[in-house]
Amino acid sequence: MMREQGMAEDGTNRPTNKFWSLLGGVSGGALGFIVANVPGMVAGAVAGNRLGAVRDARGKSVYSVFQELPQDDRARLLSQLAVRVFSHAVGV
């Protein structure tokens, strides 16, 4: 079914390179709309698209790629994310 719609590679059932980006964008937009109406839909679609692009590039979920990072890279990534989230929450 996916091959007929152009969403899978010929000869396999493996999704094409854009499949997870599209699916992530649509699902992120839907969740964003539920949370914050139209602005949330736009932000959710962008975030979902980027997360889907990671899956397209690596063939693994974002969490699996995160778990494969060295411990110091994971700690640095989480601290940078916390700074961004809390700076926006505090308004700095």
PDB file of N, CA and C in Angstrom:
ATOM      1  N   MET A   1       0.817  -1.191   0.000  1.00  0.00           N
ATOM      2  CA  MET A   1       0.000   0.000   0.000  1.00  0.00           C
ATOM      3  C   MET A   1       0.864   1.260   0.000  1.00  0.00           C
ATOM      4  N   MET A   2       1.906   1.248   0.807  1.00  0.00           N
ATOM      5  CA  MET A   2       2.755   2.438   0.868  1.00  0.00           C
ATOM      6  C   MET A   2       3.507   2.642  -0.437  1.00  0.00           C
ATOM      7  N   ARG A   3       3.904   1.555  -1.098  1.00  0.00           N
ATOM      8  CA  ARG A   3       4.615   1.683  -2.383  1.00  0.00           C
ATOM      9  C   ARG A   3       3.716   2.299  -3.441  1.00  0.00           C
ATOM     10  N   GLU A   4       2.443   1.919  -3.467  1.00  0.00           N
ATOM     11  CA  GLU A   4       1.523   2.468  -4.459  1.00  0.00           C
ATOM     12  C   GLU A   4       1.327   3.967  -4.269  1.00  0.00           C
ATOM     13  N   GLN A   5       1.428   4.438  -3.047  1.00  0.00           N
ATOM     14  CA  GLN A   5       1.253   5.856  -2.764  1.00  0.00           C
ATOM     15  C   GLN A   5       2.558   6.642  -2.865  1.00  0.00           C
ATOM     16  N   GLY A   6       3.646   5.964  -3.193  1.00  0.00           N
ATOM     17  CA  GLY A   6       4.933   6.632  -3.325  1.00  0.00           C
ATOM     18  C   GLY A   6       5.598   6.922  -1.992  1.00  0.00           C
ATOM     19  N   MET A   7       5.185   6.217  -0.942  1.00  0.00           N
ATOM     20  CA  MET A   7       5.732   6.471   0.383  1.00  0.00           C
ATOM     21  C   MET A   7       6.699   5.380   0.832  1.00  0.00           C
ATOM     22  N   ALA A   8       6.975   4.398  -0.030  1.00  0.00           N
ATOM     23  CA  ALA A   8       7.932   3.341   0.301  1.00  0.00           C
ATOM     24  C   ALA A   8       8.817   3.104  -0.915  1.00  0.00           C
ATOM     25  N   GLU A   9      10.021   2.655  -0.637  1.00  0.00           N
ATOM     26  CA  GLU A   9      10.971   2.375  -1.715  1.00  0.00           C
ATOM     27  C   GLU A   9      10.536   1.138  -2.484  1.00  0.00           C
ATOM     28  N   ASP A  10      10.886   1.095  -3.759  1.00  0.00           N
ATOM     29  CA  ASP A  10      10.534  -0.060  -4.583  1.00  0.00           C
ATOM     30  C   ASP A  10      11.227  -1.314  -4.076  1.00  0.00           C
ATOM     31  N   GLY A  11      10.492  -2.414  -4.020  1.00  0.00           N
ATOM     32  CA  GLY A  11      11.052  -3.694  -3.619  1.00  0.00           C
ATOM     33  C   GLY A  11      11.105  -3.916  -2.122  1.00  0.00           C
ATOM     34  N   THR A  12      10.863  -2.893  -1.328  1.00  0.00           N
ATOM     35  CA  THR A  12      10.862  -3.049   0.131  1.00  0.00           C
ATOM     36  C   THR A  12       9.654  -2.341   0.712  1.00  0.00           C
ATOM     37  N   ASN A  13       9.425  -2.559   1.971  1.00  0.00           N
ATOM     38  CA  ASN A  13       8.373  -1.819   2.671  1.00  0.00           C
ATOM     39  C   ASN A  13       8.953  -0.688   3.502  1.00  0.00           C
ATOM     40  N   ARG A  14      10.236  -0.388   3.289  1.00  0.00           N
ATOM     41  CA  ARG A  14      10.891   0.682   4.035  1.00  0.00           C
ATOM     42  C   ARG A  14      10.386   2.038   3.540  1.00  0.00           C
ATOM     43  N   PRO A  15       9.939   2.919   4.438  1.00  0.00           N
ATOM     44  CA  PRO A  15       9.441   4.223   4.017  1.00  0.00           C
ATOM     45  C   PRO A  15      10.531   5.052   3.331  1.00  0.00           C
ATOM     46  N   THR A  16      10.108   5.942   2.460  1.00  0.00           N
ATOM     47  CA  THR A  16      11.053   6.831   1.784  1.00  0.00           C
ATOM     48  C   THR A  16      11.628   7.828   2.786  1.00  0.00           C
ATOM     49  N   ASN A  17      12.585   8.625   2.336  1.00  0.00           N
ATOM     50  CA  ASN A  17      13.274   9.556   3.229  1.00  0.00           C
ATOM     51  C   ASN A  17      12.380  10.653   3.782  1.00  0.00           C
ATOM     52  N   LYS A  18      11.277  10.942   3.172  1.00  0.00           N
ATOM     53  CA  LYS A  18      10.398  12.026   3.638  1.00  0.00           C
ATOM     54  C   LYS A  18       9.237  11.545   4.505  1.00  0.00           C
ATOM     55  N   PHE A  19       9.057  10.246   4.629  1.00  0.00           N
ATOM     56  CA  PHE A  19       7.879   9.711   5.309  1.00  0.00           C
ATOM     57  C   PHE A  19       7.751  10.200   6.746  1.00  0.00           C
ATOM     58  N   TRP A  20       8.801  10.014   7.539  1.00  0.00           N
ATOM     59  CA  TRP A  20       8.711  10.368   8.958  1.00  0.00           C
ATOM     60  C   TRP A  20       8.665  11.874   9.161  1.00  0.00           C
ATOM     61  N   SER A  21       9.285  12.647   8.275  1.00  0.00           N
ATOM     62  CA  SER A  21       9.190  14.104   8.366  1.00  0.00           C
ATOM     63  C   SER A  21       7.749  14.562   8.166  1.00  0.00           C
ATOM     64  N   LEU A  22       7.095  13.985   7.157  1.00  0.00           N
ATOM     65  CA  LEU A  22       5.697  14.344   6.904  1.00  0.00           C
ATOM     66  C   LEU A  22       4.791  13.912   8.053  1.00  0.00           C
ATOM     67  N   LEU A  23       4.970  12.677   8.493  1.00  0.00           N
ATOM     68  CA  LEU A  23       4.146  12.175   9.588  1.00  0.00           C
ATOM     69  C   LEU A  23       4.387  12.971  10.876  1.00  0.00           C
ATOM     70  N   GLY A  24       5.644  13.298  11.149  1.00  0.00           N
ATOM     71  CA  GLY A  24       5.961  14.101  12.332  1.00  0.00           C
ATOM     72  C   GLY A  24       5.370  15.492  12.255  1.00  0.00           C
ATOM     73  N   GLY A  25       5.412  16.100  11.083  1.00  0.00           N
ATOM     74  CA  GLY A  25       4.829  17.435  10.915  1.00  0.00           C
ATOM     75  C   GLY A  25       3.330  17.440  11.128  1.00  0.00           C
ATOM     76  N   VAL A  26       2.649  16.450  10.578  1.00  0.00           N
ATOM     77  CA  VAL A  26       1.194  16.372  10.722  1.00  0.00           C
ATOM     78  C   VAL A  26       0.807  16.107  12.175  1.00  0.00           C
ATOM     79  N   SER A  27       1.461  15.142  12.802  1.00  0.00           N
ATOM     80  CA  SER A  27       1.093  14.813  14.182  1.00  0.00           C
ATOM     81  C   SER A  27       1.495  15.938  15.141  1.00  0.00           C
ATOM     82  N   GLY A  28       2.649  16.561  14.903  1.00  0.00           N
ATOM     83  CA  GLY A  28       3.044  17.696  15.737  1.00  0.00           C
ATOM     84  C   GLY A  28       2.089  18.864  15.591  1.00  0.00           C
ATOM     85  N   GLY A  29       1.631  19.104  14.370  1.00  0.00           N
ATOM     86  CA  GLY A  29       0.654  20.172  14.149  1.00  0.00           C
ATOM     87  C   GLY A  29      -0.662  19.897  14.859  1.00  0.00           C
ATOM     88  N   ALA A  30      -1.101  18.647  14.834  1.00  0.00           N
ATOM     89  CA  ALA A  30      -2.351  18.294  15.513  1.00  0.00           C
ATOM     90  C   ALA A  30      -2.230  18.479  17.029  1.00  0.00           C
ATOM     91  N   LEU A  31      -1.124  18.000  17.596  1.00  0.00           N
ATOM     92  CA  LEU A  31      -0.939  18.163  19.048  1.00  0.00           C
ATOM     93  C   LEU A  31      -0.760  19.634  19.416  1.00  0.00           C
ATOM     94  N   GLY A  32      -0.027  20.370  18.595  1.00  0.00           N
ATOM     95  CA  GLY A  32       0.151  21.796  18.855  1.00  0.00           C
ATOM     96  C   GLY A  32      -1.156  22.549  18.798  1.00  0.00           C
ATOM     97  N   PHE A  33      -2.033  22.188  17.873  1.00  0.00           N
ATOM     98  CA  PHE A  33      -3.335  22.836  17.777  1.00  0.00           C
ATOM     99  C   PHE A  33      -4.180  22.561  19.011  1.00  0.00           C
ATOM    100  N   ILE A  34      -4.107  21.336  19.512  1.00  0.00           N
ATOM    101  CA  ILE A  34      -4.863  20.988  20.723  1.00  0.00           C
ATOM    102  C   ILE A  34      -4.384  21.817  21.906  1.00  0.00           C
ATOM    103  N   VAL A  35      -3.072  22.010  22.000  1.00  0.00           N
ATOM    104  CA  VAL A  35      -2.507  22.715  23.149  1.00  0.00           C
ATOM    105  C   VAL A  35      -2.657  24.227  23.033  1.00  0.00           C
ATOM    106  N   ALA A  36      -2.365  24.798  21.845  1.00  0.00           N
ATOM    107  CA  ALA A  36      -2.277  26.258  21.773  1.00  0.00           C
ATOM    108  C   ALA A  36      -2.887  26.842  20.508  1.00  0.00           C
ATOM    109  N   ASN A  37      -3.899  26.211  19.946  1.00  0.00           N
ATOM    110  CA  ASN A  37      -4.608  26.709  18.787  1.00  0.00           C
ATOM    111  C   ASN A  37      -3.678  26.871  17.582  1.00  0.00           C
ATOM    112  N   VAL A  38      -3.868  27.884  16.755  1.00  0.00           N
ATOM    113  CA  VAL A  38      -3.120  28.008  15.504  1.00  0.00           C
ATOM    114  C   VAL A  38      -1.622  28.243  15.719  1.00  0.00           C
ATOM    115  N   PRO A  39      -1.193  29.134  16.630  1.00  0.00           N
ATOM    116  CA  PRO A  39       0.257  29.269  16.830  1.00  0.00           C
ATOM    117  C   PRO A  39       0.909  27.976  17.306  1.00  0.00           C
ATOM    118  N   GLY A  40       0.220  27.225  18.135  1.00  0.00           N
ATOM    119  CA  GLY A  40       0.725  25.942  18.594  1.00  0.00           C
ATOM    120  C   GLY A  40       0.797  24.926  17.474  1.00  0.00           C
ATOM    121  N   MET A  41      -0.154  25.018  16.541  1.00  0.00           N
ATOM    122  CA  MET A  41      -0.140  24.111  15.403  1.00  0.00           C
ATOM    123  C   MET A  41       1.105  24.337  14.545  1.00  0.00           C
ATOM    124  N   VAL A  42       1.442  25.597  14.322  1.00  0.00           N
ATOM    125  CA  VAL A  42       2.626  25.906  13.514  1.00  0.00           C
ATOM    126  C   VAL A  42       3.892  25.426  14.220  1.00  0.00           C
ATOM    127  N   ALA A  43       4.018  25.752  15.504  1.00  0.00           N
ATOM    128  CA  ALA A  43       5.206  25.341  16.256  1.00  0.00           C
ATOM    129  C   ALA A  43       5.296  23.822  16.358  1.00  0.00           C
ATOM    130  N   GLY A  44       4.178  23.165  16.591  1.00  0.00           N
ATOM    131  CA  GLY A  44       4.171  21.711  16.685  1.00  0.00           C
ATOM    132  C   GLY A  44       4.524  21.045  15.367  1.00  0.00           C
ATOM    133  N   ALA A  45       4.056  21.620  14.264  1.00  0.00           N
ATOM    134  CA  ALA A  45       4.370  21.060  12.953  1.00  0.00           C
ATOM    135  C   ALA A  45       5.862  21.163  12.655  1.00  0.00           C
ATOM    136  N   VAL A  46       6.453  22.292  13.008  1.00  0.00           N
ATOM    137  CA  VAL A  46       7.895  22.473  12.783  1.00  0.00           C
ATOM    138  C   VAL A  46       8.690  21.501  13.647  1.00  0.00           C
ATOM    139  N   ALA A  47       8.340  21.412  14.922  1.00  0.00           N
ATOM    140  CA  ALA A  47       9.058  20.503  15.822  1.00  0.00           C
ATOM    141  C   ALA A  47       8.881  19.047  15.385  1.00  0.00           C
ATOM    142  N   GLY A  48       7.677  18.663  15.032  1.00  0.00           N
ATOM    143  CA  GLY A  48       7.437  17.294  14.577  1.00  0.00           C
ATOM    144  C   GLY A  48       8.177  16.967  13.298  1.00  0.00           C
ATOM    145  N   ASN A  49       8.251  17.945  12.402  1.00  0.00           N
ATOM    146  CA  ASN A  49       8.985  17.740  11.151  1.00  0.00           C
ATOM    147  C   ASN A  49      10.463  17.518  11.413  1.00  0.00           C
ATOM    148  N   ARG A  50      11.034  18.284  12.309  1.00  0.00           N
ATOM    149  CA  ARG A  50      12.466  18.132  12.620  1.00  0.00           C
ATOM    150  C   ARG A  50      12.741  16.797  13.294  1.00  0.00           C
ATOM    151  N   LEU A  51      11.868  16.376  14.210  1.00  0.00           N
ATOM    152  CA  LEU A  51      12.047  15.085  14.864  1.00  0.00           C
ATOM    153  C   LEU A  51      11.890  13.949  13.863  1.00  0.00           C
ATOM    154  N   GLY A  52      10.957  14.102  12.943  1.00  0.00           N
ATOM    155  CA  GLY A  52      10.797  13.100  11.895  1.00  0.00           C
ATOM    156  C   GLY A  52      12.004  13.041  10.975  1.00  0.00           C
ATOM    157  N   ALA A  53      12.635  14.189  10.744  1.00  0.00           N
ATOM    158  CA  ALA A  53      13.826  14.220   9.891  1.00  0.00           C
ATOM    159  C   ALA A  53      14.978  13.454  10.529  1.00  0.00           C
ATOM    160  N   VAL A  54      15.064  13.478  11.850  1.00  0.00           N
ATOM    161  CA  VAL A  54      16.088  12.687  12.541  1.00  0.00           C
ATOM    162  C   VAL A  54      15.843  11.210  12.279  1.00  0.00           C
ATOM    163  N   ARG A  55      14.595  10.800  12.353  1.00  0.00           N
ATOM    164  CA  ARG A  55      14.266   9.396  12.094  1.00  0.00           C
ATOM    165  C   ARG A  55      14.559   9.024  10.642  1.00  0.00           C
ATOM    166  N   ASP A  56      14.284   9.942   9.721  1.00  0.00           N
ATOM    167  CA  ASP A  56      14.580   9.673   8.312  1.00  0.00           C
ATOM    168  C   ASP A  56      16.071   9.508   8.081  1.00  0.00           C
ATOM    169  N   ALA A  57      16.876  10.345   8.719  1.00  0.00           N
ATOM    170  CA  ALA A  57      18.327  10.327   8.496  1.00  0.00           C
ATOM    171  C   ALA A  57      18.992   9.119   9.147  1.00  0.00           C
ATOM    172  N   ARG A  58      18.555   8.759  10.339  1.00  0.00           N
ATOM    173  CA  ARG A  58      19.216   7.700  11.096  1.00  0.00           C
ATOM    174  C   ARG A  58      18.530   6.348  11.004  1.00  0.00           C
ATOM    175  N   GLY A  59      17.252   6.346  10.685  1.00  0.00           N
ATOM    176  CA  GLY A  59      16.508   5.088  10.660  1.00  0.00           C
ATOM    177  C   GLY A  59      16.144   4.603  12.049  1.00  0.00           C
ATOM    178  N   LYS A  60      16.290   5.475  13.043  1.00  0.00           N
ATOM    179  CA  LYS A  60      15.991   5.126  14.438  1.00  0.00           C
ATOM    180  C   LYS A  60      15.186   6.266  15.049  1.00  0.00           C
ATOM    181  N   SER A  61      14.550   5.990  16.169  1.00  0.00           N
ATOM    182  CA  SER A  61      13.812   7.037  16.854  1.00  0.00           C
ATOM    183  C   SER A  61      14.778   8.045  17.469  1.00  0.00           C
ATOM    184  N   VAL A  62      14.267   9.222  17.770  1.00  0.00           N
ATOM    185  CA  VAL A  62      15.091  10.269  18.369  1.00  0.00           C
ATOM    186  C   VAL A  62      15.643   9.795  19.714  1.00  0.00           C
ATOM    187  N   TYR A  63      14.829   9.092  20.475  1.00  0.00           N
ATOM    188  CA  TYR A  63      15.273   8.594  21.773  1.00  0.00           C
ATOM    189  C   TYR A  63      16.427   7.601  21.628  1.00  0.00           C
ATOM    190  N   SER A  64      16.360   6.737  20.634  1.00  0.00           N
ATOM    191  CA  SER A  64      17.453   5.774  20.406  1.00  0.00           C
ATOM    192  C   SER A  64      18.745   6.488  20.039  1.00  0.00           C
ATOM    193  N   VAL A  65      18.642   7.501  19.199  1.00  0.00           N
ATOM    194  CA  VAL A  65      19.831   8.274  18.821  1.00  0.00           C
ATOM    195  C   VAL A  65      20.389   8.991  20.048  1.00  0.00           C
ATOM    196  N   PHE A  66      19.509   9.544  20.884  1.00  0.00           N
ATOM    197  CA  PHE A  66      19.938  10.225  22.108  1.00  0.00           C
ATOM    198  C   PHE A  66      20.656   9.253  23.039  1.00  0.00           C
ATOM    199  N   GLN A  67      20.123   8.035  23.181  1.00  0.00           N
ATOM    200  CA  GLN A  67      20.739   7.046  24.062  1.00  0.00           C
ATOM    201  C   GLN A  67      22.114   6.599  23.578  1.00  0.00           C
ATOM    202  N   GLU A  68      22.371   6.688  22.288  1.00  0.00           N
ATOM    203  CA  GLU A  68      23.663   6.285  21.741  1.00  0.00           C
ATOM    204  C   GLU A  68      24.738   7.361  21.899  1.00  0.00           C
ATOM    205  N   LEU A  69      24.336   8.573  22.268  1.00  0.00           N
ATOM    206  CA  LEU A  69      25.325   9.638  22.475  1.00  0.00           C
ATOM    207  C   LEU A  69      26.170   9.340  23.710  1.00  0.00           C
ATOM    208  N   PRO A  70      27.408   9.806  23.728  1.00  0.00           N
ATOM    209  CA  PRO A  70      28.216   9.678  24.945  1.00  0.00           C
ATOM    210  C   PRO A  70      27.580  10.476  26.091  1.00  0.00           C
ATOM    211  N   GLN A  71      27.883  10.081  27.310  1.00  0.00           N
ATOM    212  CA  GLN A  71      27.266  10.689  28.485  1.00  0.00           C
ATOM    213  C   GLN A  71      27.492  12.200  28.552  1.00  0.00           C
ATOM    214  N   ASP A  72      28.700  12.672  28.245  1.00  0.00           N
ATOM    215  CA  ASP A  72      28.955  14.112  28.335  1.00  0.00           C
ATOM    216  C   ASP A  72      28.177  14.885  27.267  1.00  0.00           C
ATOM    217  N   ASP A  73      27.981  14.311  26.090  1.00  0.00           N
ATOM    218  CA  ASP A  73      27.170  14.968  25.053  1.00  0.00           C
ATOM    219  C   ASP A  73      25.700  15.031  25.462  1.00  0.00           C
ATOM    220  N   ARG A  74      25.202  13.959  26.081  1.00  0.00           N
ATOM    221  CA  ARG A  74      23.807  13.964  26.551  1.00  0.00           C
ATOM    222  C   ARG A  74      23.607  15.020  27.624  1.00  0.00           C
ATOM    223  N   ALA A  75      24.545  15.113  28.560  1.00  0.00           N
ATOM    224  CA  ALA A  75      24.431  16.097  29.635  1.00  0.00           C
ATOM    225  C   ALA A  75      24.470  17.517  29.074  1.00  0.00           C
ATOM    226  N   ARG A  76      25.376  17.757  28.120  1.00  0.00           N
ATOM    227  CA  ARG A  76      25.471  19.090  27.520  1.00  0.00           C
ATOM    228  C   ARG A  76      24.190  19.437  26.758  1.00  0.00           C
ATOM    229  N   LEU A  77      23.639  18.482  26.011  1.00  0.00           N
ATOM    230  CA  LEU A  77      22.416  18.704  25.255  1.00  0.00           C
ATOM    231  C   LEU A  77      21.244  19.026  26.184  1.00  0.00           C
ATOM    232  N   LEU A  78      21.118  18.269  27.259  1.00  0.00           N
ATOM    233  CA  LEU A  78      20.025  18.518  28.207  1.00  0.00           C
ATOM    234  C   LEU A  78      20.183  19.854  28.919  1.00  0.00           C
ATOM    235  N   SER A  79      21.410  20.237  29.252  1.00  0.00           N
ATOM    236  CA  SER A  79      21.603  21.526  29.922  1.00  0.00           C
ATOM    237  C   SER A  79      21.302  22.681  28.964  1.00  0.00           C
ATOM    238  N   GLN A  80      21.677  22.568  27.703  1.00  0.00           N
ATOM    239  CA  GLN A  80      21.355  23.609  26.725  1.00  0.00           C
ATOM    240  C   GLN A  80      19.847  23.714  26.515  1.00  0.00           C
ATOM    241  N   LEU A  81      19.179  22.577  26.471  1.00  0.00           N
ATOM    242  CA  LEU A  81      17.727  22.575  26.327  1.00  0.00           C
ATOM    243  C   LEU A  81      17.051  23.210  27.539  1.00  0.00           C
ATOM    244  N   ALA A  82      17.535  22.897  28.733  1.00  0.00           N
ATOM    245  CA  ALA A  82      16.968  23.475  29.946  1.00  0.00           C
ATOM    246  C   ALA A  82      17.149  24.989  29.978  1.00  0.00           C
ATOM    247  N   VAL A  83      18.312  25.467  29.552  1.00  0.00           N
ATOM    248  CA  VAL A  83      18.549  26.911  29.512  1.00  0.00           C
ATOM    249  C   VAL A  83      17.557  27.587  28.573  1.00  0.00           C
ATOM    250  N   ARG A  84      17.343  27.012  27.409  1.00  0.00           N
ATOM    251  CA  ARG A  84      16.406  27.604  26.449  1.00  0.00           C
ATOM    252  C   ARG A  84      14.981  27.600  26.978  1.00  0.00           C
ATOM    253  N   VAL A  85      14.556  26.485  27.545  1.00  0.00           N
ATOM    254  CA  VAL A  85      13.177  26.382  28.034  1.00  0.00           C
ATOM    255  C   VAL A  85      12.950  27.327  29.197  1.00  0.00           C
ATOM    256  N   PHE A  86      13.859  27.327  30.166  1.00  0.00           N
ATOM    257  CA  PHE A  86      13.655  28.154  31.349  1.00  0.00           C
ATOM    258  C   PHE A  86      13.872  29.630  31.081  1.00  0.00           C
ATOM    259  N   SER A  87      14.708  29.986  30.117  1.00  0.00           N
ATOM    260  CA  SER A  87      14.879  31.402  29.804  1.00  0.00           C
ATOM    261  C   SER A  87      13.610  31.961  29.172  1.00  0.00           C
ATOM    262  N   HIS A  88      12.909  31.158  28.379  1.00  0.00           N
ATOM    263  CA  HIS A  88      11.649  31.617  27.804  1.00  0.00           C
ATOM    264  C   HIS A  88      10.546  31.629  28.856  1.00  0.00           C
ATOM    265  N   ALA A  89      10.576  30.691  29.783  1.00  0.00           N
ATOM    266  CA  ALA A  89       9.545  30.627  30.817  1.00  0.00           C
ATOM    267  C   ALA A  89       9.661  31.797  31.790  1.00  0.00           C
ATOM    268  N   VAL A  90      10.894  32.186  32.090  1.00  0.00           N
ATOM    269  CA  VAL A  90      11.119  33.284  33.030  1.00  0.00           C
ATOM    270  C   VAL A  90      10.978  34.627  32.324  1.00  0.00           C
ATOM    271  N   GLY A  91      11.205  34.642  31.023  1.00  0.00           N
ATOM    272  CA  GLY A  91      11.089  35.879  30.261  1.00  0.00           C
ATOM    273  C   GLY A  91      12.393  36.622  30.136  1.00  0.00           C
ATOM    274  N   VAL A  92      13.498  35.931  30.337  1.00  0.00           N
ATOM    275  CA  VAL A  92      14.818  36.563  30.245  1.00  0.00           C
ATOM    276  C   VAL A  92      15.279  36.575  28.821  1.00  0.00           C
TER     277      VAL A  92
END
